[in-house]
Protein backbone atom coordinates (compact mmCIF):
# COMPACT_ATOMS: atom_id res chain seq x y z
CA MET A 1 39.90 30.85 -20.31
CA GLN A 2 39.97 34.38 -19.88
CA GLU A 3 43.34 35.38 -21.33
CA ILE A 4 42.80 33.30 -24.79
CA ALA A 5 38.73 34.65 -24.93
CA ASN A 6 38.38 36.60 -27.82
CA THR A 7 34.40 36.83 -27.39
CA PHE A 8 31.23 36.94 -25.44
CA LEU A 9 28.77 34.24 -25.11
CA THR A 10 25.32 34.56 -24.11
CA ILE A 11 23.45 31.54 -23.25
CA LEU A 12 19.97 30.70 -24.04
CA ALA A 13 17.86 28.06 -23.42
CA GLY A 14 14.30 26.98 -22.86
CA GLN A 15 10.74 25.44 -24.43
CA SER A 16 7.55 27.18 -25.17
CA THR A 17 5.18 25.65 -27.67
CA ASN A 18 3.33 27.32 -30.62
CA ALA A 19 0.05 27.72 -31.79
CA TYR A 20 -0.18 24.43 -33.41
CA GLY A 21 0.54 22.48 -30.05
CA ASP A 22 4.64 21.66 -30.52
CA LEU A 23 7.84 22.79 -28.84
CA THR A 24 9.71 25.02 -30.20
CA ASP A 25 12.58 27.42 -28.83
CA ALA A 26 11.58 30.08 -26.16
CA GLY A 27 15.46 32.05 -26.46
CA THR A 28 15.27 33.04 -22.81
CA VAL A 29 18.61 34.12 -21.42
CA GLN A 30 20.32 31.34 -19.02
CA THR A 31 23.71 32.76 -19.30
CA ALA A 32 25.52 35.91 -19.96
CA HIS A 33 28.36 37.35 -20.58
CA VAL A 34 30.65 34.23 -20.55
CA PRO A 35 34.42 34.56 -22.58
CA ALA A 36 34.95 32.36 -24.79
CA PHE A 37 37.45 31.14 -27.88
CA LEU A 38 35.47 31.38 -31.11
CA ALA A 39 37.55 30.12 -34.78
CA GLU A 40 35.83 29.17 -37.62
CA THR A 41 38.21 27.12 -40.03
CA ARG A 42 37.68 25.97 -43.35
CA GLN A 43 38.59 23.06 -45.84
CA THR A 44 37.77 22.43 -48.92
CA PHE A 45 37.94 19.24 -50.93
CA TRP A 46 37.05 18.16 -54.39
CA ASP A 47 33.49 17.49 -55.14
CA PRO A 48 33.69 14.46 -57.45
CA VAL A 49 29.36 14.34 -58.73
CA ALA A 50 29.06 18.11 -59.27
CA GLN A 51 33.24 18.75 -60.49
CA GLU A 52 33.53 21.38 -58.98
CA PRO A 53 35.40 22.85 -55.17
CA ARG A 54 33.10 22.40 -52.32
CA THR A 55 34.23 23.97 -48.87
CA VAL A 56 32.63 23.32 -45.02
CA ARG A 57 32.72 25.51 -42.57
CA THR A 58 33.36 24.85 -38.62
CA THR A 59 33.01 26.81 -36.08
CA THR A 60 34.76 25.56 -32.31
CA ALA A 61 34.69 27.67 -29.24
CA ARG A 62 36.17 27.20 -25.47
CA VAL A 63 34.55 28.12 -22.23
CA SER A 64 34.70 27.55 -19.30
CA THR A 65 33.63 23.91 -17.15
CA TRP A 66 31.94 26.42 -15.17
CA ASN A 67 29.45 26.77 -17.77
CA THR A 68 26.13 24.15 -17.79
CA ILE A 69 26.52 23.56 -22.13
CA LEU A 70 24.41 20.97 -23.44
CA ALA A 71 24.34 19.09 -26.99
CA GLY A 72 21.50 18.80 -29.27
CA PHE A 73 17.96 18.71 -28.39
CA GLU A 74 18.54 20.09 -25.11
CA SER A 75 17.33 23.37 -26.70
CA GLN A 76 20.46 25.16 -26.43
CA GLN A 77 21.99 27.89 -28.44
CA LEU A 78 24.65 30.69 -27.94
CA VAL A 79 24.86 34.27 -29.31
CA ASP A 80 28.28 35.76 -30.07
CA GLU A 81 27.88 39.21 -28.33
CA ASN A 82 29.88 40.76 -30.89
CA THR A 83 28.87 39.94 -34.10
CA GLY A 84 24.99 38.80 -32.95
CA ALA A 85 25.28 35.41 -34.71
CA VAL A 86 23.21 32.64 -33.17
CA TYR A 87 25.48 28.66 -33.03
CA TYR A 88 22.73 25.72 -32.12
CA VAL A 89 25.49 23.18 -29.74
CA GLU A 90 25.79 20.26 -32.16
CA ASP A 91 28.33 18.16 -29.82
CA VAL A 92 30.92 19.19 -26.53
CA ILE A 93 33.66 17.64 -25.56
CA TYR A 94 35.04 17.13 -22.34
CA PRO A 95 38.73 16.70 -22.99
CA PRO A 96 40.61 14.63 -20.63
CA THR A 97 43.31 15.85 -17.80
CA ILE A 98 46.53 14.40 -16.50
CA ILE A 99 46.29 16.16 -12.93
CA GLY A 100 42.66 15.60 -12.70
CA ALA A 101 41.41 20.06 -13.09
CA PRO A 102 39.28 21.11 -14.82
CA VAL A 103 39.99 22.46 -18.88
CA ASP A 104 38.13 24.09 -21.28
CA LEU A 105 34.92 22.38 -22.92
CA ARG A 106 35.91 22.22 -26.45
CA LEU A 107 32.07 22.86 -28.78
CA THR A 108 31.24 22.07 -31.73
CA LEU A 109 28.91 24.36 -33.20
CA ARG A 110 26.23 24.89 -36.43
CA ARG A 111 25.15 28.34 -37.10
CA VAL A 112 21.63 28.90 -37.54
CA THR A 113 19.18 32.01 -38.55
CA GLY A 114 18.00 33.72 -34.68
CA PRO A 115 17.31 32.50 -31.68
CA GLY A 116 14.56 30.02 -30.65
CA VAL A 117 14.73 28.72 -34.38
């Protein structure tokens, strides 16, 4: 992972209770300075209903397997330390390996407005 890392990530975790008693993301730093490869891809397609082209952006990250990153409602978020962008982890993919050696995790991310949101 060190060879292709283009940024560092901070992993935020934890929950707190707001004034109404609802659980919200607390944004407590779990791990900082995690080397990662972060890439954004775009795909343009034609929307027949609106009669105009649409662009879908997807952000993918790769991190080492020693990181404990969970997807979904485990309330973890990632912060790109270079840009300050905050991402919600939608999916964690553990790629198969032939020799049994650990391989990098592939994460599907969604950009959100800020930590704890």
